[in-house]
């Protein structure tokens, strides 16, 4: 995260890959992400886990922005 120009402008960028996997219950979507800025790689068992990760990251950025403004 960084301060670009006039205001705080956080950026989170990921390459997201999704693919279906057949299980006993039917098809489940798996996912993997790679960070655009740090090449961090993570795999997720389902889309809910991916969304939870993204929610956690965006909330952490919001907290940092709030703390920087105080």
N, C-alpha and C. Protein backbone atom coordinates (compact mmCIF):
# COMPACT_ATOMS: atom_id res chain seq x y z
N UNK A 1 0.84 -1.17 0.00
CA UNK A 1 0.00 0.00 0.00
C UNK A 1 0.88 1.23 0.00
N UNK A 2 0.40 2.25 -0.66
CA UNK A 2 1.19 3.47 -0.66
C UNK A 2 0.33 4.67 -0.92
N UNK A 3 0.92 5.81 -0.72
CA UNK A 3 0.23 7.07 -0.96
C UNK A 3 0.62 7.54 -2.34
N UNK A 4 -0.34 7.58 -3.25
CA UNK A 4 -0.08 7.98 -4.64
C UNK A 4 -0.84 9.26 -4.91
N UNK A 5 -0.14 10.31 -5.27
CA UNK A 5 -0.82 11.55 -5.63
C UNK A 5 -1.37 12.26 -4.42
N UNK A 6 -2.60 12.74 -4.53
CA UNK A 6 -3.21 13.57 -3.50
C UNK A 6 -3.75 12.81 -2.31
N UNK A 7 -4.15 11.59 -2.48
CA UNK A 7 -4.79 10.89 -1.36
C UNK A 7 -4.23 9.49 -1.21
N UNK A 8 -4.69 8.83 -0.18
CA UNK A 8 -4.29 7.45 0.03
C UNK A 8 -4.98 6.59 -1.01
N UNK A 9 -4.23 5.73 -1.63
CA UNK A 9 -4.78 4.93 -2.70
C UNK A 9 -4.24 3.51 -2.62
N UNK A 10 -4.80 2.68 -1.75
CA UNK A 10 -4.31 1.30 -1.63
C UNK A 10 -4.65 0.50 -2.87
N UNK A 11 -3.81 -0.42 -3.17
CA UNK A 11 -4.05 -1.31 -4.31
C UNK A 11 -3.81 -2.74 -3.89
N UNK A 12 -4.78 -3.56 -4.15
CA UNK A 12 -4.65 -5.00 -4.01
C UNK A 12 -4.89 -5.58 -5.39
N UNK A 13 -3.95 -6.34 -5.88
CA UNK A 13 -4.10 -6.91 -7.22
C UNK A 13 -3.69 -8.38 -7.18
N UNK A 14 -4.56 -9.21 -7.70
CA UNK A 14 -4.30 -10.64 -7.73
C UNK A 14 -4.72 -11.22 -9.07
N UNK A 15 -3.97 -12.19 -9.53
CA UNK A 15 -4.40 -13.02 -10.65
C UNK A 15 -5.16 -14.17 -10.01
N UNK A 16 -6.41 -14.36 -10.41
CA UNK A 16 -7.25 -15.40 -9.83
C UNK A 16 -7.51 -16.48 -10.87
N UNK A 17 -7.32 -17.71 -10.47
CA UNK A 17 -7.63 -18.85 -11.34
C UNK A 17 -8.67 -19.71 -10.63
N UNK A 18 -9.69 -20.13 -11.35
CA UNK A 18 -10.73 -21.00 -10.80
C UNK A 18 -10.93 -22.20 -11.72
N UNK A 19 -11.20 -23.35 -11.13
CA UNK A 19 -11.45 -24.55 -11.93
C UNK A 19 -12.39 -25.48 -11.16
N UNK A 20 -13.21 -26.24 -11.88
CA UNK A 20 -14.13 -27.16 -11.22
C UNK A 20 -13.46 -28.50 -10.92
N UNK A 21 -13.83 -29.08 -9.78
CA UNK A 21 -13.36 -30.40 -9.38
C UNK A 21 -14.59 -31.21 -9.00
N UNK A 22 -14.68 -32.41 -9.54
CA UNK A 22 -15.83 -33.26 -9.23
C UNK A 22 -15.60 -33.97 -7.91
N UNK A 23 -16.58 -33.89 -7.01
CA UNK A 23 -16.53 -34.57 -5.71
C UNK A 23 -17.76 -35.47 -5.61
N UNK A 24 -17.89 -36.18 -4.51
CA UNK A 24 -19.06 -37.03 -4.29
C UNK A 24 -20.35 -36.22 -4.25
N UNK A 25 -20.24 -34.96 -3.80
CA UNK A 25 -21.42 -34.09 -3.71
C UNK A 25 -21.70 -33.33 -5.00
N UNK A 26 -20.86 -33.47 -5.98
CA UNK A 26 -21.00 -32.74 -7.24
C UNK A 26 -19.75 -31.91 -7.50
N UNK A 27 -19.88 -30.94 -8.36
CA UNK A 27 -18.73 -30.11 -8.69
C UNK A 27 -18.51 -29.03 -7.64
N UNK A 28 -17.24 -28.81 -7.32
CA UNK A 28 -16.82 -27.76 -6.41
C UNK A 28 -15.78 -26.93 -7.15
N UNK A 29 -15.86 -25.62 -7.00
CA UNK A 29 -14.88 -24.74 -7.63
C UNK A 29 -13.71 -24.52 -6.70
N UNK A 30 -12.52 -24.81 -7.19
CA UNK A 30 -11.28 -24.53 -6.48
C UNK A 30 -10.75 -23.21 -7.00
N UNK A 31 -9.83 -22.61 -6.26
CA UNK A 31 -9.28 -21.33 -6.71
C UNK A 31 -7.83 -21.21 -6.26
N UNK A 32 -7.11 -20.40 -6.98
CA UNK A 32 -5.74 -20.05 -6.62
C UNK A 32 -5.54 -18.59 -6.97
N UNK A 33 -4.72 -17.91 -6.17
CA UNK A 33 -4.39 -16.52 -6.48
C UNK A 33 -2.89 -16.34 -6.44
N UNK A 34 -2.46 -15.35 -7.18
CA UNK A 34 -1.06 -14.93 -7.15
C UNK A 34 -1.05 -13.41 -7.03
N UNK A 35 -0.34 -12.91 -6.05
CA UNK A 35 -0.25 -11.47 -5.84
C UNK A 35 0.50 -10.80 -6.98
N UNK A 36 -0.04 -9.72 -7.49
CA UNK A 36 0.59 -9.00 -8.59
C UNK A 36 1.86 -8.26 -8.15
N UNK A 37 1.89 -7.85 -6.88
CA UNK A 37 3.02 -7.06 -6.39
C UNK A 37 4.06 -7.88 -5.67
N UNK A 38 3.65 -9.00 -5.07
CA UNK A 38 4.60 -9.78 -4.27
C UNK A 38 4.71 -11.24 -4.70
N UNK A 39 3.97 -11.65 -5.71
CA UNK A 39 3.98 -13.02 -6.23
C UNK A 39 3.60 -14.06 -5.17
N UNK A 40 2.93 -13.61 -4.09
CA UNK A 40 2.43 -14.54 -3.09
C UNK A 40 1.41 -15.46 -3.76
N UNK A 41 1.50 -16.76 -3.46
CA UNK A 41 0.56 -17.72 -4.04
C UNK A 41 -0.21 -18.42 -2.94
N UNK A 42 -1.49 -18.58 -3.17
CA UNK A 42 -2.36 -19.29 -2.23
C UNK A 42 -3.37 -20.10 -3.03
N UNK A 43 -3.77 -21.23 -2.44
CA UNK A 43 -4.81 -22.07 -3.05
C UNK A 43 -5.97 -22.16 -2.08
N UNK A 44 -7.18 -22.29 -2.63
CA UNK A 44 -8.39 -22.32 -1.82
C UNK A 44 -9.23 -23.53 -2.21
N UNK A 45 -9.79 -24.18 -1.20
CA UNK A 45 -10.59 -25.38 -1.42
C UNK A 45 -11.92 -25.07 -2.07
N UNK A 46 -12.40 -23.83 -1.87
CA UNK A 46 -13.67 -23.44 -2.48
C UNK A 46 -13.72 -21.92 -2.60
N UNK A 47 -14.74 -21.43 -3.26
CA UNK A 47 -14.85 -19.98 -3.48
C UNK A 47 -15.12 -19.22 -2.19
N UNK A 48 -15.82 -19.84 -1.24
CA UNK A 48 -16.05 -19.16 0.04
C UNK A 48 -14.73 -18.86 0.75
N UNK A 49 -13.78 -19.77 0.68
CA UNK A 49 -12.47 -19.54 1.29
C UNK A 49 -11.73 -18.41 0.57
N UNK A 50 -11.84 -18.36 -0.74
CA UNK A 50 -11.23 -17.27 -1.50
C UNK A 50 -11.84 -15.94 -1.10
N UNK A 51 -13.17 -15.89 -1.05
CA UNK A 51 -13.85 -14.64 -0.70
C UNK A 51 -13.52 -14.21 0.72
N UNK A 52 -13.39 -15.16 1.65
CA UNK A 52 -13.03 -14.84 3.03
C UNK A 52 -11.63 -14.22 3.08
N UNK A 53 -10.71 -14.76 2.30
CA UNK A 53 -9.36 -14.21 2.23
C UNK A 53 -9.38 -12.78 1.71
N UNK A 54 -10.11 -12.54 0.63
CA UNK A 54 -10.19 -11.19 0.05
C UNK A 54 -10.86 -10.22 1.02
N UNK A 55 -11.87 -10.67 1.72
CA UNK A 55 -12.55 -9.83 2.72
C UNK A 55 -11.57 -9.45 3.83
N UNK A 56 -10.80 -10.42 4.30
CA UNK A 56 -9.81 -10.17 5.35
C UNK A 56 -8.77 -9.15 4.88
N UNK A 57 -8.29 -9.30 3.66
CA UNK A 57 -7.27 -8.39 3.14
C UNK A 57 -7.81 -6.97 2.97
N UNK A 58 -9.01 -6.84 2.45
CA UNK A 58 -9.57 -5.50 2.24
C UNK A 58 -9.90 -4.84 3.59
N UNK A 59 -10.36 -5.61 4.55
CA UNK A 59 -10.63 -5.05 5.87
C UNK A 59 -9.34 -4.59 6.54
N UNK A 60 -8.26 -5.34 6.36
CA UNK A 60 -6.97 -4.94 6.93
C UNK A 60 -6.50 -3.63 6.30
N UNK A 61 -6.69 -3.47 5.00
CA UNK A 61 -6.32 -2.23 4.33
C UNK A 61 -7.16 -1.06 4.85
N UNK A 62 -8.44 -1.29 5.06
CA UNK A 62 -9.32 -0.24 5.59
C UNK A 62 -8.87 0.18 6.98
N UNK A 63 -8.49 -0.79 7.80
CA UNK A 63 -8.00 -0.49 9.15
C UNK A 63 -6.73 0.35 9.09
N UNK A 64 -5.81 -0.02 8.20
CA UNK A 64 -4.57 0.74 8.05
C UNK A 64 -4.85 2.17 7.59
N UNK A 65 -5.76 2.34 6.65
CA UNK A 65 -6.11 3.67 6.18
C UNK A 65 -6.69 4.52 7.30
N UNK A 66 -7.56 3.92 8.10
CA UNK A 66 -8.18 4.64 9.21
C UNK A 66 -7.12 5.07 10.22
N UNK A 67 -6.17 4.18 10.51
CA UNK A 67 -5.11 4.50 11.47
C UNK A 67 -4.18 5.59 10.94
N UNK A 68 -3.92 5.59 9.62
CA UNK A 68 -3.03 6.59 9.03
C UNK A 68 -3.67 7.97 9.06
N UNK A 69 -4.99 8.05 9.01
CA UNK A 69 -5.67 9.34 9.01
C UNK A 69 -5.78 9.95 10.40
N UNK A 70 -5.62 9.13 11.43
CA UNK A 70 -5.75 9.64 12.80
C UNK A 70 -4.50 10.33 13.27
